[in-house]
Amino acid sequence: YTVQFITILTCVWYLLKNKLRQPYRFFAAGWAIFLTHDLSMVII
């Protein structure tokens, strides 16, 4: 769960740094959403 949380922070950091519309930018956004959902389900 710690690694997943760090990955979310990395994805957000990437989105803030990289403004180009490319597959990696969309992947970072989607992966951050999925991990946030996964950690939310753990809490629930």
All heavy atoms as atom14 arrays in JSON, in Angstrom:
{
  "sequence": "YTVQFITILTCVWYLLKNKLRQPYRFFAAGWAIFLTHDLSMVII",
  "atom14_mask": [
    [1, 1, 1, 1, 1, 1, 1, 1, 1, 1, 1, 1, 0, 0],
    [1, 1, 1, 1, 1, 1, 1, 0, 0, 0, 0, 0, 0, 0],
    [1, 1, 1, 1, 1, 1, 1, 0, 0, 0, 0, 0, 0, 0],
    [1, 1, 1, 1, 1, 1, 1, 1, 1, 0, 0, 0, 0, 0],
    [1, 1, 1, 1, 1, 1, 1, 1, 1, 1, 1, 0, 0, 0],
    [1, 1, 1, 1, 1, 1, 1, 1, 0, 0, 0, 0, 0, 0],
    [1, 1, 1, 1, 1, 1, 1, 0, 0, 0, 0, 0, 0, 0],
    [1, 1, 1, 1, 1, 1, 1, 1, 0, 0, 0, 0, 0, 0],
    [1, 1, 1, 1, 1, 1, 1, 1, 0, 0, 0, 0, 0, 0],
    [1, 1, 1, 1, 1, 1, 1, 0, 0, 0, 0, 0, 0, 0],
    [1, 1, 1, 1, 1, 1, 0, 0, 0, 0, 0, 0, 0, 0],
    [1, 1, 1, 1, 1, 1, 1, 0, 0, 0, 0, 0, 0, 0],
    [1, 1, 1, 1, 1, 1, 1, 1, 1, 1, 1, 1, 1, 1],
    [1, 1, 1, 1, 1, 1, 1, 1, 1, 1, 1, 1, 0, 0],
    [1, 1, 1, 1, 1, 1, 1, 1, 0, 0, 0, 0, 0, 0],
    [1, 1, 1, 1, 1, 1, 1, 1, 0, 0, 0, 0, 0, 0],
    [1, 1, 1, 1, 1, 1, 1, 1, 1, 0, 0, 0, 0, 0],
    [1, 1, 1, 1, 1, 1, 1, 1, 0, 0, 0, 0, 0, 0],
    [1, 1, 1, 1, 1, 1, 1, 1, 1, 0, 0, 0, 0, 0],
    [1, 1, 1, 1, 1, 1, 1, 1, 0, 0, 0, 0, 0, 0],
    [1, 1, 1, 1, 1, 1, 1, 1, 1, 1, 1, 0, 0, 0],
    [1, 1, 1, 1, 1, 1, 1, 1, 1, 0, 0, 0, 0, 0],
    [1, 1, 1, 1, 1, 1, 1, 0, 0, 0, 0, 0, 0, 0],
    [1, 1, 1, 1, 1, 1, 1, 1, 1, 1, 1, 1, 0, 0],
    [1, 1, 1, 1, 1, 1, 1, 1, 1, 1, 1, 0, 0, 0],
    [1, 1, 1, 1, 1, 1, 1, 1, 1, 1, 1, 0, 0, 0],
    [1, 1, 1, 1, 1, 1, 1, 1, 1, 1, 1, 0, 0, 0],
    [1, 1, 1, 1, 1, 0, 0, 0, 0, 0, 0, 0, 0, 0],
    [1, 1, 1, 1, 1, 0, 0, 0, 0, 0, 0, 0, 0, 0],
    [1, 1, 1, 1, 0, 0, 0, 0, 0, 0, 0, 0, 0, 0],
    [1, 1, 1, 1, 1, 1, 1, 1, 1, 1, 1, 1, 1, 1],
    [1, 1, 1, 1, 1, 0, 0, 0, 0, 0, 0, 0, 0, 0],
    [1, 1, 1, 1, 1, 1, 1, 1, 0, 0, 0, 0, 0, 0],
    [1, 1, 1, 1, 1, 1, 1, 1, 1, 1, 1, 0, 0, 0],
    [1, 1, 1, 1, 1, 1, 1, 1, 0, 0, 0, 0, 0, 0],
    [1, 1, 1, 1, 1, 1, 1, 0, 0, 0, 0, 0, 0, 0],
    [1, 1, 1, 1, 1, 1, 1, 1, 1, 1, 0, 0, 0, 0],
    [1, 1, 1, 1, 1, 1, 1, 1, 0, 0, 0, 0, 0, 0],
    [1, 1, 1, 1, 1, 1, 1, 1, 0, 0, 0, 0, 0, 0],
    [1, 1, 1, 1, 1, 1, 0, 0, 0, 0, 0, 0, 0, 0],
    [1, 1, 1, 1, 1, 1, 1, 1, 0, 0, 0, 0, 0, 0],
    [1, 1, 1, 1, 1, 1, 1, 0, 0, 0, 0, 0, 0, 0],
    [1, 1, 1, 1, 1, 1, 1, 1, 0, 0, 0, 0, 0, 0],
    [1, 1, 1, 1, 1, 1, 1, 1, 0, 0, 0, 0, 0, 0]
  ],
  "atom14_positions": [
    [[0.82, -1.21, 0.0], [0.0, 0.0, 0.0], [0.86, 1.26, 0.0], [0.49, 2.28, -0.61], [-0.93, 0.0, 1.21], [-1.87, -1.19, 1.24], [-2.26, -1.77, 2.45], [-2.33, -1.77, 0.07], [-3.11, -2.86, 2.49], [-3.17, -2.86, 0.08], [-3.55, -3.41, 1.3], [-4.39, -4.51, 1.33], [0.0, 0.0, 0.0], [0.0, 0.0, 0.0]],
    [[2.02, 1.19, 0.65], [2.93, 2.34, 0.64], [3.47, 2.6, -0.76], [3.51, 3.75, -1.22], [4.11, 2.11, 1.61], [3.6, 1.9, 2.94], [5.06, 3.3, 1.62], [0.0, 0.0, 0.0], [0.0, 0.0, 0.0], [0.0, 0.0, 0.0], [0.0, 0.0, 0.0], [0.0, 0.0, 0.0], [0.0, 0.0, 0.0], [0.0, 0.0, 0.0]],
    [[3.87, 1.53, -1.45], [4.37, 1.66, -2.82], [3.27, 2.18, -3.74], [3.52, 3.02, -4.62], [4.92, 0.31, -3.33], [5.23, 0.39, -4.83], [6.17, -0.09, -2.56], [0.0, 0.0, 0.0], [0.0, 0.0, 0.0], [0.0, 0.0, 0.0], [0.0, 0.0, 0.0], [0.0, 0.0, 0.0], [0.0, 0.0, 0.0], [0.0, 0.0, 0.0]],
    [[2.05, 1.71, -3.55], [0.93, 2.19, -4.36], [0.7, 3.69, -4.14], [0.45, 4.44, -5.08], [-0.34, 1.41, -4.03], [-0.34, -0.01, -4.58], [-1.63, -0.74, -4.25], [-2.13, -0.68, -3.13], [-2.16, -1.45, -5.23], [0.0, 0.0, 0.0], [0.0, 0.0, 0.0], [0.0, 0.0, 0.0], [0.0, 0.0, 0.0], [0.0, 0.0, 0.0]],
    [[0.79, 4.12, -2.88], [0.6, 5.54, -2.57], [1.72, 6.38, -3.2], [1.46, 7.45, -3.76], [0.57, 5.74, -1.06], [0.34, 7.17, -0.64], [-0.89, 7.78, -0.83], [1.38, 7.91, -0.08], [-1.1, 9.1, -0.46], [1.17, 9.22, 0.3], [-0.06, 9.82, 0.11], [0.0, 0.0, 0.0], [0.0, 0.0, 0.0], [0.0, 0.0, 0.0]],
    [[2.95, 5.89, -3.13], [4.07, 6.6, -3.75], [3.88, 6.66, -5.26], [4.2, 7.68, -5.9], [5.41, 5.89, -3.4], [5.69, 6.02, -1.91], [6.56, 6.49, -4.21], [6.89, 5.22, -1.44], [0.0, 0.0, 0.0], [0.0, 0.0, 0.0], [0.0, 0.0, 0.0], [0.0, 0.0, 0.0], [0.0, 0.0, 0.0], [0.0, 0.0, 0.0]],
    [[3.32, 5.59, -5.85], [3.07, 5.59, -7.29], [2.02, 6.63, -7.65], [2.15, 7.31, -8.69], [2.59, 4.19, -7.75], [3.52, 3.2, -7.32], [2.48, 4.14, -9.27], [0.0, 0.0, 0.0], [0.0, 0.0, 0.0], [0.0, 0.0, 0.0], [0.0, 0.0, 0.0], [0.0, 0.0, 0.0], [0.0, 0.0, 0.0], [0.0, 0.0, 0.0]],
    [[1.0, 6.79, -6.82], [-0.01, 7.83, -7.06], [0.65, 9.2, -7.07], [0.39, 10.04, -7.95], [-1.12, 7.78, -5.99], [-1.94, 6.49, -6.14], [-2.04, 9.0, -6.11], [-2.95, 6.29, -5.02], [0.0, 0.0, 0.0], [0.0, 0.0, 0.0], [0.0, 0.0, 0.0], [0.0, 0.0, 0.0], [0.0, 0.0, 0.0], [0.0, 0.0, 0.0]],
    [[1.51, 9.46, -6.08], [2.21, 10.75, -6.0], [3.1, 10.96, -7.22], [3.17, 12.08, -7.76], [3.06, 10.81, -4.73], [2.29, 10.79, -3.39], [3.27, 10.84, -2.22], [1.3, 11.93, -3.32], [0.0, 0.0, 0.0], [0.0, 0.0, 0.0], [0.0, 0.0, 0.0], [0.0, 0.0, 0.0], [0.0, 0.0, 0.0], [0.0, 0.0, 0.0]],
    [[3.74, 9.89, -7.68], [4.58, 9.99, -8.87], [3.76, 10.31, -10.12], [4.17, 11.13, -10.94], [5.34, 8.66, -9.1], [6.11, 8.34, -7.95], [6.27, 8.77, -10.31], [0.0, 0.0, 0.0], [0.0, 0.0, 0.0], [0.0, 0.0, 0.0], [0.0, 0.0, 0.0], [0.0, 0.0, 0.0], [0.0, 0.0, 0.0], [0.0, 0.0, 0.0]],
    [[2.59, 9.69, -10.23], [1.7, 9.97, -11.37], [1.25, 11.43, -11.36], [1.23, 12.09, -12.42], [0.5, 9.04, -11.33], [0.85, 7.31, -11.72], [0.0, 0.0, 0.0], [0.0, 0.0, 0.0], [0.0, 0.0, 0.0], [0.0, 0.0, 0.0], [0.0, 0.0, 0.0], [0.0, 0.0, 0.0], [0.0, 0.0, 0.0], [0.0, 0.0, 0.0]],
    [[0.88, 11.94, -10.18], [0.45, 13.33, -10.07], [1.61, 14.26, -10.41], [1.43, 15.26, -11.14], [-0.07, 13.62, -8.65], [-0.37, 15.11, -8.48], [-1.32, 12.8, -8.37], [0.0, 0.0, 0.0], [0.0, 0.0, 0.0], [0.0, 0.0, 0.0], [0.0, 0.0, 0.0], [0.0, 0.0, 0.0], [0.0, 0.0, 0.0], [0.0, 0.0, 0.0]],
    [[2.79, 13.94, -9.9], [3.99, 14.74, -10.2], [4.27, 14.74, -11.69], [4.61, 15.78, -12.27], [5.16, 14.16, -9.41], [6.51, 14.69, -9.81], [7.05, 15.91, -9.53], [7.51, 13.99, -10.57], [8.31, 16.02, -10.07], [8.63, 14.85, -10.71], [7.58, 12.7, -11.13], [9.77, 14.48, -11.38], [8.72, 12.33, -11.81], [9.8, 13.21, -11.93]],
    [[4.12, 13.59, -12.33], [4.34, 13.49, -13.77], [3.34, 14.34, -14.54], [3.71, 15.03, -15.51], [4.21, 12.03, -14.2], [4.45, 11.79, -15.67], [5.74, 11.61, -16.16], [3.4, 11.74, -16.57], [5.97, 11.39, -17.51], [3.62, 11.52, -17.92], [4.91, 11.35, -18.38], [5.13, 11.14, -19.72], [0.0, 0.0, 0.0], [0.0, 0.0, 0.0]],
    [[2.08, 14.32, -14.13], [1.06, 15.1, -14.81], [1.32, 16.6, -14.68], [1.02, 17.37, -15.6], [-0.33, 14.77, -14.23], [-0.85, 13.36, -14.53], [-2.1, 13.08, -13.72], [-1.13, 13.2, -16.01], [0.0, 0.0, 0.0], [0.0, 0.0, 0.0], [0.0, 0.0, 0.0], [0.0, 0.0, 0.0], [0.0, 0.0, 0.0], [0.0, 0.0, 0.0]],
    [[1.87, 17.02, -13.56], [2.17, 18.43, -13.35], [3.38, 18.87, -14.16], [3.46, 20.02, -14.6], [2.42, 18.7, -11.87], [1.22, 18.54, -10.94], [1.65, 18.7, -9.48], [0.12, 19.54, -11.29], [0.0, 0.0, 0.0], [0.0, 0.0, 0.0], [0.0, 0.0, 0.0], [0.0, 0.0, 0.0], [0.0, 0.0, 0.0], [0.0, 0.0, 0.0]],
    [[4.33, 17.95, -14.36], [5.57, 18.28, -15.06], [5.45, 18.15, -16.58], [6.06, 18.92, -17.33], [6.7, 17.37, -14.57], [7.15, 17.65, -13.14], [7.9, 18.97, -13.05], [8.45, 19.18, -11.66], [9.24, 20.45, -11.56], [0.0, 0.0, 0.0], [0.0, 0.0, 0.0], [0.0, 0.0, 0.0], [0.0, 0.0, 0.0], [0.0, 0.0, 0.0]],
    [[4.68, 17.16, -17.03], [4.59, 16.88, -18.46], [3.23, 17.31, -18.98], [2.2, 16.72, -18.63], [4.81, 15.39, -18.72], [4.81, 15.06, -20.21], [4.84, 15.95, -21.05], [4.78, 13.78, -20.52], [0.0, 0.0, 0.0], [0.0, 0.0, 0.0], [0.0, 0.0, 0.0], [0.0, 0.0, 0.0], [0.0, 0.0, 0.0], [0.0, 0.0, 0.0]],
    [[3.21, 18.32, -19.82], [1.95, 18.86, -20.34], [1.62, 18.32, -21.74], [0.59, 18.66, -22.32], [2.02, 20.39, -20.41], [2.31, 21.06, -19.07], [1.21, 20.77, -18.05], [1.5, 21.5, -16.74], [0.44, 21.22, -15.72], [0.0, 0.0, 0.0], [0.0, 0.0, 0.0], [0.0, 0.0, 0.0], [0.0, 0.0, 0.0], [0.0, 0.0, 0.0]],
    [[2.51, 17.48, -22.3], [2.29, 16.96, -23.63], [1.2, 15.89, -23.62], [1.14, 15.06, -22.7], [3.58, 16.36, -24.19], [4.75, 17.34, -24.37], [5.98, 16.59, -24.85], [4.39, 18.45, -25.34], [0.0, 0.0, 0.0], [0.0, 0.0, 0.0], [0.0, 0.0, 0.0], [0.0, 0.0, 0.0], [0.0, 0.0, 0.0], [0.0, 0.0, 0.0]],
    [[0.35, 15.91, -24.63], [-0.69, 14.89, -24.74], [-0.1, 13.66, -25.42], [-0.04, 13.58, -26.64], [-1.88, 15.44, -25.54], [-2.59, 16.6, -24.87], [-3.82, 17.02, -25.65], [-4.8, 15.96, -25.69], [-5.95, 16.03, -26.37], [-6.23, 17.13, -27.05], [-6.8, 15.03, -26.36], [0.0, 0.0, 0.0], [0.0, 0.0, 0.0], [0.0, 0.0, 0.0]],
    [[0.32, 12.73, -24.63], [0.93, 11.51, -25.13], [0.41, 10.34, -24.3], [-0.18, 10.54, -23.23], [2.45, 11.61, -25.02], [2.93, 11.95, -23.61], [4.37, 11.59, -23.39], [4.74, 10.46, -23.6], [5.18, 12.54, -22.96], [0.0, 0.0, 0.0], [0.0, 0.0, 0.0], [0.0, 0.0, 0.0], [0.0, 0.0, 0.0], [0.0, 0.0, 0.0]],
    [[0.62, 9.1, -24.77], [0.08, 7.94, -24.05], [0.5, 7.87, -22.59], [-0.3, 7.48, -21.73], [0.64, 6.76, -24.85], [0.8, 7.29, -26.23], [1.23, 8.71, -26.06], [0.0, 0.0, 0.0], [0.0, 0.0, 0.0], [0.0, 0.0, 0.0], [0.0, 0.0, 0.0], [0.0, 0.0, 0.0], [0.0, 0.0, 0.0], [0.0, 0.0, 0.0]],
    [[1.74, 8.27, -22.27], [2.21, 8.16, -20.89], [1.48, 9.11, -19.96], [1.27, 8.81, -18.79], [3.72, 8.4, -20.81], [4.53, 7.27, -21.36], [5.03, 7.3, -22.66], [4.78, 6.13, -20.6], [5.77, 6.25, -23.19], [5.51, 5.07, -21.11], [6.0, 5.14, -22.41], [6.71, 4.08, -22.91], [0.0, 0.0, 0.0], [0.0, 0.0, 0.0]],
    [[1.11, 10.26, -20.47], [0.36, 11.22, -19.66], [-1.03, 10.66, -19.32], [-1.48, 10.73, -18.17], [0.24, 12.56, -20.38], [-0.56, 13.6, -19.6], [-0.5, 14.97, -20.25], [-1.41, 15.91, -19.62], [-1.17, 16.53, -18.48], [-0.04, 16.33, -17.85], [-2.05, 17.37, -17.97], [0.0, 0.0, 0.0], [0.0, 0.0, 0.0], [0.0, 0.0, 0.0]],
    [[-1.71, 10.1, -20.31], [-3.02, 9.5, -20.07], [-2.9, 8.28, -19.18], [-3.76, 8.01, -18.34], [-3.68, 9.14, -21.4], [-4.08, 10.33, -22.22], [-3.44, 10.64, -23.41], [-5.11, 11.16, -21.8], [-3.81, 11.74, -24.15], [-5.49, 12.27, -22.53], [-4.83, 12.56, -23.72], [0.0, 0.0, 0.0], [0.0, 0.0, 0.0], [0.0, 0.0, 0.0]],
    [[-1.81, 7.52, -19.35], [-1.61, 6.35, -18.5], [-1.43, 6.77, -17.04], [-1.99, 6.14, -16.13], [-0.39, 5.55, -18.96], [-0.12, 4.35, -18.08], [-0.77, 3.15, -18.32], [0.76, 4.44, -17.02], [-0.55, 2.05, -17.5], [0.99, 3.34, -16.2], [0.34, 2.15, -16.44], [0.0, 0.0, 0.0], [0.0, 0.0, 0.0], [0.0, 0.0, 0.0]],
    [[-0.64, 7.81, -16.82], [-0.4, 8.28, -15.46], [-1.71, 8.69, -14.79], [-1.95, 8.38, -13.61], [0.58, 9.46, -15.47], [0.0, 0.0, 0.0], [0.0, 0.0, 0.0], [0.0, 0.0, 0.0], [0.0, 0.0, 0.0], [0.0, 0.0, 0.0], [0.0, 0.0, 0.0], [0.0, 0.0, 0.0], [0.0, 0.0, 0.0], [0.0, 0.0, 0.0]],
    [[-2.57, 9.38, -15.53], [-3.87, 9.8, -14.98], [-4.74, 8.6, -14.66], [-5.33, 8.51, -13.57], [-4.58, 10.73, -15.97], [0.0, 0.0, 0.0], [0.0, 0.0, 0.0], [0.0, 0.0, 0.0], [0.0, 0.0, 0.0], [0.0, 0.0, 0.0], [0.0, 0.0, 0.0], [0.0, 0.0, 0.0], [0.0, 0.0, 0.0], [0.0, 0.0, 0.0]],
    [[-4.83, 7.66, -15.6], [-5.66, 6.48, -15.38], [-5.15, 5.59, -14.26], [-5.93, 5.08, -13.45], [0.0, 0.0, 0.0], [0.0, 0.0, 0.0], [0.0, 0.0, 0.0], [0.0, 0.0, 0.0], [0.0, 0.0, 0.0], [0.0, 0.0, 0.0], [0.0, 0.0, 0.0], [0.0, 0.0, 0.0], [0.0, 0.0, 0.0], [0.0, 0.0, 0.0]],
    [[-3.83, 5.4, -14.19], [-3.26, 4.54, -13.16], [-3.44, 5.15, -11.78], [-3.69, 4.44, -10.79], [-1.79, 4.28, -13.45], [-1.23, 3.13, -12.68], [-0.39, 3.18, -11.61], [-1.49, 1.74, -12.92], [-0.11, 1.91, -11.16], [-0.77, 1.01, -11.96], [-2.25, 1.05, -13.87], [-0.8, -0.38, -11.89], [-2.28, -0.35, -13.8], [-1.56, -1.04, -12.83]],
    [[-3.32, 6.48, -11.68], [-3.53, 7.15, -10.4], [-4.97, 6.97, -9.92], [-5.22, 6.75, -8.72], [-3.19, 8.64, -10.52], [0.0, 0.0, 0.0], [0.0, 0.0, 0.0], [0.0, 0.0, 0.0], [0.0, 0.0, 0.0], [0.0, 0.0, 0.0], [0.0, 0.0, 0.0], [0.0, 0.0, 0.0], [0.0, 0.0, 0.0], [0.0, 0.0, 0.0]],
    [[-5.92, 7.05, -10.85], [-7.33, 6.85, -10.5], [-7.57, 5.44, -10.01], [-8.25, 5.21, -9.01], [-8.23, 7.18, -11.71], [-8.16, 8.67, -12.03], [-9.67, 6.74, -11.45], [-8.86, 9.04, -13.33], [0.0, 0.0, 0.0], [0.0, 0.0, 0.0], [0.0, 0.0, 0.0], [0.0, 0.0, 0.0], [0.0, 0.0, 0.0], [0.0, 0.0, 0.0]],
    [[-6.99, 4.45, -10.72], [-7.17, 3.06, -10.32], [-6.58, 2.79, -8.94], [-7.22, 2.15, -8.1], [-6.52, 2.13, -11.34], [-6.39, 0.72, -10.84], [-7.51, -0.1, -10.7], [-5.16, 0.2, -10.48], [-7.4, -1.39, -10.21], [-5.03, -1.09, -10.0], [-6.15, -1.89, -9.86], [0.0, 0.0, 0.0], [0.0, 0.0, 0.0], [0.0, 0.0, 0.0]],
    [[-5.36, 3.26, -8.7], [-4.73, 3.01, -7.4], [-5.48, 3.71, -6.28], [-5.59, 3.17, -5.17], [-3.27, 3.47, -7.43], [-2.31, 2.64, -8.28], [-0.89, 3.17, -8.13], [-2.36, 1.17, -7.88], [0.0, 0.0, 0.0], [0.0, 0.0, 0.0], [0.0, 0.0, 0.0], [0.0, 0.0, 0.0], [0.0, 0.0, 0.0], [0.0, 0.0, 0.0]],
    [[-6.0, 4.9, -6.55], [-6.8, 5.6, -5.54], [-8.05, 4.8, -5.21], [-8.44, 4.67, -4.04], [-7.2, 7.0, -6.05], [-6.01, 7.75, -6.34], [-8.02, 7.74, -5.01], [0.0, 0.0, 0.0], [0.0, 0.0, 0.0], [0.0, 0.0, 0.0], [0.0, 0.0, 0.0], [0.0, 0.0, 0.0], [0.0, 0.0, 0.0], [0.0, 0.0, 0.0]],
    [[-8.68, 4.25, -6.23], [-9.85, 3.39, -6.01], [-9.47, 2.16, -5.21], [-10.17, 1.76, -4.27], [-10.46, 2.97, -7.35], [-11.45, 1.86, -7.23], [-11.08, 0.52, -7.35], [-12.79, 1.86, -6.99], [-12.14, -0.24, -7.18], [-13.19, 0.55, -6.98], [0.0, 0.0, 0.0], [0.0, 0.0, 0.0], [0.0, 0.0, 0.0], [0.0, 0.0, 0.0]],
    [[-8.33, 1.54, -5.56], [-7.9, 0.32, -4.89], [-7.63, 0.57, -3.41], [-8.06, -0.21, -2.54], [-6.64, -0.22, -5.57], [-6.34, -1.65, -5.16], [-7.29, -2.46, -5.09], [-5.16, -1.97, -4.91], [0.0, 0.0, 0.0], [0.0, 0.0, 0.0], [0.0, 0.0, 0.0], [0.0, 0.0, 0.0], [0.0, 0.0, 0.0], [0.0, 0.0, 0.0]],
    [[-6.94, 1.66, -3.1], [-6.66, 1.99, -1.7], [-7.94, 2.36, -0.96], [-8.08, 2.06, 0.23], [-5.65, 3.13, -1.62], [-4.23, 2.8, -2.11], [-3.33, 4.02, -2.01], [-3.63, 1.64, -1.3], [0.0, 0.0, 0.0], [0.0, 0.0, 0.0], [0.0, 0.0, 0.0], [0.0, 0.0, 0.0], [0.0, 0.0, 0.0], [0.0, 0.0, 0.0]],
    [[-8.88, 3.0, -1.66], [-10.17, 3.32, -1.04], [-10.94, 2.05, -0.68], [-11.55, 1.97, 0.39], [-11.01, 4.18, -1.99], [-10.36, 5.39, -2.29], [0.0, 0.0, 0.0], [0.0, 0.0, 0.0], [0.0, 0.0, 0.0], [0.0, 0.0, 0.0], [0.0, 0.0, 0.0], [0.0, 0.0, 0.0], [0.0, 0.0, 0.0], [0.0, 0.0, 0.0]],
    [[-10.87, 1.04, -1.56], [-11.54, -0.23, -1.29], [-10.89, -0.94, -0.1], [-11.56, -1.64, 0.67], [-11.49, -1.12, -2.52], [-12.32, -0.62, -3.69], [-14.09, -0.44, -3.29], [-14.54, -2.16, -3.01], [0.0, 0.0, 0.0], [0.0, 0.0, 0.0], [0.0, 0.0, 0.0], [0.0, 0.0, 0.0], [0.0, 0.0, 0.0], [0.0, 0.0, 0.0]],
    [[-9.58, -0.77, 0.06], [-8.89, -1.35, 1.22], [-9.41, -0.73, 2.5], [-9.7, -1.43, 3.49], [-7.36, -1.13, 1.1], [-6.67, -1.52, 2.41], [-6.81, -1.95, -0.06], [0.0, 0.0, 0.0], [0.0, 0.0, 0.0], [0.0, 0.0, 0.0], [0.0, 0.0, 0.0], [0.0, 0.0, 0.0], [0.0, 0.0, 0.0], [0.0, 0.0, 0.0]],
    [[-9.56, 0.58, 2.51], [-10.07, 1.28, 3.69], [-11.51, 0.86, 3.98], [-11.88, 0.6, 5.13], [-9.98, 2.81, 3.49], [-8.5, 3.22, 3.36], [-10.64, 3.54, 4.65], [-8.31, 4.68, 2.99], [0.0, 0.0, 0.0], [0.0, 0.0, 0.0], [0.0, 0.0, 0.0], [0.0, 0.0, 0.0], [0.0, 0.0, 0.0], [0.0, 0.0, 0.0]],
    [[-12.32, 0.79, 2.93], [-13.72, 0.36, 3.1], [-13.77, -1.07, 3.64], [-14.59, -1.4, 4.5], [-14.48, 0.45, 1.76], [-14.61, 1.92, 1.33], [-15.86, -0.21, 1.86], [-15.2, 2.1, -0.05], [0.0, 0.0, 0.0], [0.0, 0.0, 0.0], [0.0, 0.0, 0.0], [0.0, 0.0, 0.0], [0.0, 0.0, 0.0], [0.0, 0.0, 0.0]]
  ]
}
